[in-house]
N, C-alpha and C. Protein backbone atom coordinates (compact mmCIF):
# COMPACT_ATOMS: atom_id res chain seq x y z
N MET A 1 3.99 -23.07 -32.87
CA MET A 1 3.90 -22.28 -31.67
C MET A 1 3.78 -20.81 -32.07
N SER A 2 2.84 -20.11 -31.46
CA SER A 2 2.67 -18.69 -31.78
C SER A 2 3.32 -17.83 -30.70
N ALA A 3 3.81 -16.70 -31.12
CA ALA A 3 4.46 -15.78 -30.18
C ALA A 3 3.40 -15.06 -29.36
N VAL A 4 3.69 -14.83 -28.10
CA VAL A 4 2.78 -14.10 -27.23
C VAL A 4 3.03 -12.62 -27.42
N ARG A 5 1.97 -11.90 -27.67
CA ARG A 5 2.10 -10.45 -27.86
C ARG A 5 2.13 -9.77 -26.51
N PRO A 6 2.98 -8.77 -26.35
CA PRO A 6 3.05 -8.07 -25.07
C PRO A 6 1.76 -7.29 -24.79
N ASN A 7 1.36 -7.29 -23.53
CA ASN A 7 0.16 -6.55 -23.15
C ASN A 7 0.53 -5.08 -22.90
N ASP A 8 -0.45 -4.29 -22.46
CA ASP A 8 -0.22 -2.85 -22.25
C ASP A 8 0.86 -2.59 -21.21
N LEU A 9 0.87 -3.37 -20.15
CA LEU A 9 1.87 -3.17 -19.11
C LEU A 9 3.27 -3.44 -19.64
N ALA A 10 3.43 -4.51 -20.37
CA ALA A 10 4.75 -4.84 -20.93
C ALA A 10 5.22 -3.75 -21.89
N ARG A 11 4.32 -3.27 -22.73
CA ARG A 11 4.69 -2.21 -23.68
C ARG A 11 5.05 -0.92 -22.95
N ALA A 12 4.28 -0.59 -21.90
CA ALA A 12 4.56 0.64 -21.15
C ALA A 12 5.91 0.55 -20.44
N LEU A 13 6.20 -0.59 -19.85
CA LEU A 13 7.47 -0.75 -19.15
C LEU A 13 8.65 -0.72 -20.12
N ARG A 14 8.49 -1.37 -21.25
CA ARG A 14 9.57 -1.35 -22.25
C ARG A 14 9.82 0.08 -22.72
N GLY A 15 8.75 0.81 -23.00
CA GLY A 15 8.90 2.20 -23.42
C GLY A 15 9.53 3.07 -22.35
N PHE A 16 9.14 2.85 -21.10
CA PHE A 16 9.68 3.62 -19.99
C PHE A 16 11.18 3.39 -19.86
N PHE A 17 11.60 2.12 -19.90
CA PHE A 17 13.01 1.82 -19.68
C PHE A 17 13.88 2.11 -20.90
N THR A 18 13.40 1.81 -22.08
CA THR A 18 14.26 1.96 -23.25
C THR A 18 14.17 3.35 -23.88
N ASP A 19 12.99 3.94 -23.86
CA ASP A 19 12.84 5.24 -24.51
C ASP A 19 12.94 6.38 -23.50
N TYR A 20 12.05 6.39 -22.53
CA TYR A 20 11.98 7.53 -21.63
C TYR A 20 13.23 7.67 -20.76
N LEU A 21 13.56 6.65 -19.98
CA LEU A 21 14.71 6.78 -19.08
C LEU A 21 16.01 6.95 -19.85
N ALA A 22 16.23 6.09 -20.80
CA ALA A 22 17.52 6.08 -21.49
C ALA A 22 17.68 7.26 -22.45
N ARG A 23 16.69 7.49 -23.29
CA ARG A 23 16.84 8.52 -24.32
C ARG A 23 16.38 9.90 -23.88
N VAL A 24 15.16 9.98 -23.35
CA VAL A 24 14.60 11.28 -23.00
C VAL A 24 15.28 11.87 -21.78
N ARG A 25 15.40 11.09 -20.73
CA ARG A 25 15.98 11.58 -19.48
C ARG A 25 17.50 11.44 -19.43
N GLY A 26 18.07 10.61 -20.28
CA GLY A 26 19.51 10.41 -20.28
C GLY A 26 20.01 9.77 -19.00
N ALA A 27 19.21 8.89 -18.42
CA ALA A 27 19.57 8.25 -17.16
C ALA A 27 20.77 7.33 -17.34
N SER A 28 21.58 7.27 -16.32
CA SER A 28 22.75 6.39 -16.36
C SER A 28 22.31 4.93 -16.28
N PRO A 29 23.15 4.02 -16.73
CA PRO A 29 22.81 2.60 -16.62
C PRO A 29 22.52 2.18 -15.18
N HIS A 30 23.21 2.77 -14.21
CA HIS A 30 22.95 2.43 -12.81
C HIS A 30 21.56 2.89 -12.37
N THR A 31 21.14 4.04 -12.84
CA THR A 31 19.80 4.52 -12.52
C THR A 31 18.74 3.62 -13.13
N VAL A 32 18.94 3.23 -14.38
CA VAL A 32 17.99 2.34 -15.06
C VAL A 32 17.92 1.01 -14.30
N GLN A 33 19.05 0.47 -13.88
CA GLN A 33 19.05 -0.79 -13.12
C GLN A 33 18.33 -0.63 -11.79
N SER A 34 18.51 0.48 -11.13
CA SER A 34 17.84 0.72 -9.86
C SER A 34 16.32 0.79 -10.05
N TYR A 35 15.89 1.52 -11.06
CA TYR A 35 14.46 1.58 -11.37
C TYR A 35 13.94 0.19 -11.71
N ARG A 36 14.69 -0.55 -12.52
CA ARG A 36 14.28 -1.89 -12.92
C ARG A 36 14.09 -2.78 -11.70
N ASP A 37 15.05 -2.74 -10.77
CA ASP A 37 14.96 -3.56 -9.57
C ASP A 37 13.72 -3.21 -8.75
N SER A 38 13.41 -1.93 -8.65
CA SER A 38 12.23 -1.50 -7.90
C SER A 38 10.95 -1.98 -8.58
N VAL A 39 10.90 -1.89 -9.89
CA VAL A 39 9.71 -2.33 -10.62
C VAL A 39 9.55 -3.84 -10.50
N VAL A 40 10.63 -4.58 -10.52
CA VAL A 40 10.56 -6.04 -10.34
C VAL A 40 9.94 -6.36 -8.99
N LEU A 41 10.39 -5.67 -7.94
CA LEU A 41 9.82 -5.90 -6.61
C LEU A 41 8.33 -5.56 -6.57
N LEU A 42 7.96 -4.46 -7.20
CA LEU A 42 6.55 -4.08 -7.26
C LEU A 42 5.73 -5.14 -7.98
N LEU A 43 6.22 -5.60 -9.12
CA LEU A 43 5.47 -6.60 -9.89
C LEU A 43 5.35 -7.92 -9.13
N ARG A 44 6.38 -8.31 -8.43
CA ARG A 44 6.30 -9.53 -7.61
C ARG A 44 5.27 -9.37 -6.50
N PHE A 45 5.25 -8.20 -5.87
CA PHE A 45 4.28 -7.93 -4.82
C PHE A 45 2.86 -8.01 -5.36
N VAL A 46 2.61 -7.33 -6.46
CA VAL A 46 1.28 -7.32 -7.06
C VAL A 46 0.90 -8.73 -7.52
N SER A 47 1.86 -9.47 -8.02
CA SER A 47 1.62 -10.84 -8.45
C SER A 47 1.08 -11.69 -7.30
N VAL A 48 1.69 -11.57 -6.15
CA VAL A 48 1.23 -12.32 -4.97
C VAL A 48 -0.16 -11.85 -4.55
N GLN A 49 -0.36 -10.55 -4.52
CA GLN A 49 -1.66 -10.00 -4.11
C GLN A 49 -2.78 -10.43 -5.05
N GLU A 50 -2.49 -10.47 -6.33
CA GLU A 50 -3.50 -10.82 -7.34
C GLU A 50 -3.60 -12.32 -7.60
N LYS A 51 -2.66 -13.07 -7.03
CA LYS A 51 -2.60 -14.53 -7.26
C LYS A 51 -2.51 -14.84 -8.76
N ARG A 52 -1.60 -14.13 -9.42
CA ARG A 52 -1.35 -14.29 -10.85
C ARG A 52 0.15 -14.31 -11.07
N ALA A 53 0.56 -14.92 -12.15
CA ALA A 53 1.97 -14.86 -12.53
C ALA A 53 2.29 -13.42 -12.96
N VAL A 54 3.51 -13.02 -12.79
CA VAL A 54 3.92 -11.67 -13.20
C VAL A 54 3.61 -11.47 -14.68
N SER A 55 3.81 -12.49 -15.48
CA SER A 55 3.55 -12.38 -16.92
C SER A 55 2.08 -12.17 -17.24
N GLN A 56 1.19 -12.42 -16.29
CA GLN A 56 -0.24 -12.24 -16.51
C GLN A 56 -0.75 -10.89 -16.01
N LEU A 57 0.11 -10.11 -15.41
CA LEU A 57 -0.31 -8.80 -14.91
C LEU A 57 -0.46 -7.81 -16.06
N ASP A 58 -1.39 -6.89 -15.87
CA ASP A 58 -1.58 -5.82 -16.84
C ASP A 58 -1.80 -4.51 -16.07
N LEU A 59 -1.99 -3.43 -16.78
CA LEU A 59 -2.12 -2.13 -16.15
C LEU A 59 -3.24 -2.06 -15.12
N VAL A 60 -4.33 -2.78 -15.34
CA VAL A 60 -5.46 -2.73 -14.41
C VAL A 60 -5.08 -3.24 -13.02
N HIS A 61 -4.05 -4.05 -12.93
CA HIS A 61 -3.64 -4.61 -11.65
C HIS A 61 -2.76 -3.65 -10.85
N LEU A 62 -2.25 -2.61 -11.48
CA LEU A 62 -1.39 -1.65 -10.79
C LEU A 62 -2.22 -0.44 -10.36
N THR A 63 -3.07 -0.67 -9.39
CA THR A 63 -3.92 0.41 -8.90
C THR A 63 -3.13 1.30 -7.94
N PRO A 64 -3.59 2.53 -7.73
CA PRO A 64 -2.91 3.39 -6.76
C PRO A 64 -2.82 2.73 -5.38
N GLN A 65 -3.89 2.03 -4.98
CA GLN A 65 -3.87 1.38 -3.67
C GLN A 65 -2.82 0.27 -3.61
N ARG A 66 -2.65 -0.49 -4.69
CA ARG A 66 -1.62 -1.54 -4.70
C ARG A 66 -0.23 -0.93 -4.57
N VAL A 67 -0.01 0.17 -5.26
CA VAL A 67 1.30 0.83 -5.17
C VAL A 67 1.53 1.34 -3.76
N LEU A 68 0.51 1.95 -3.15
CA LEU A 68 0.64 2.41 -1.77
C LEU A 68 0.88 1.26 -0.82
N ASP A 69 0.19 0.16 -1.02
CA ASP A 69 0.40 -1.02 -0.17
C ASP A 69 1.84 -1.52 -0.30
N PHE A 70 2.35 -1.49 -1.50
CA PHE A 70 3.73 -1.91 -1.74
C PHE A 70 4.71 -0.99 -1.02
N LEU A 71 4.47 0.30 -1.13
CA LEU A 71 5.37 1.26 -0.50
C LEU A 71 5.31 1.16 1.01
């Protein structure tokens, strides 16, 4: 079995949560959890709209219009 490599979206989200929020911004664990929960909701919304599993989403699926529709 081969390991699945993370796509651009997965790498960007990991960097945002582990590097930017935690290290650069010094966000509290509660803030990181709040952001995480919001991103999960966004990804689930886009997943339904695109008729794809969340794991199949990539940056191209997060268009400005999709984010506005979510909001």
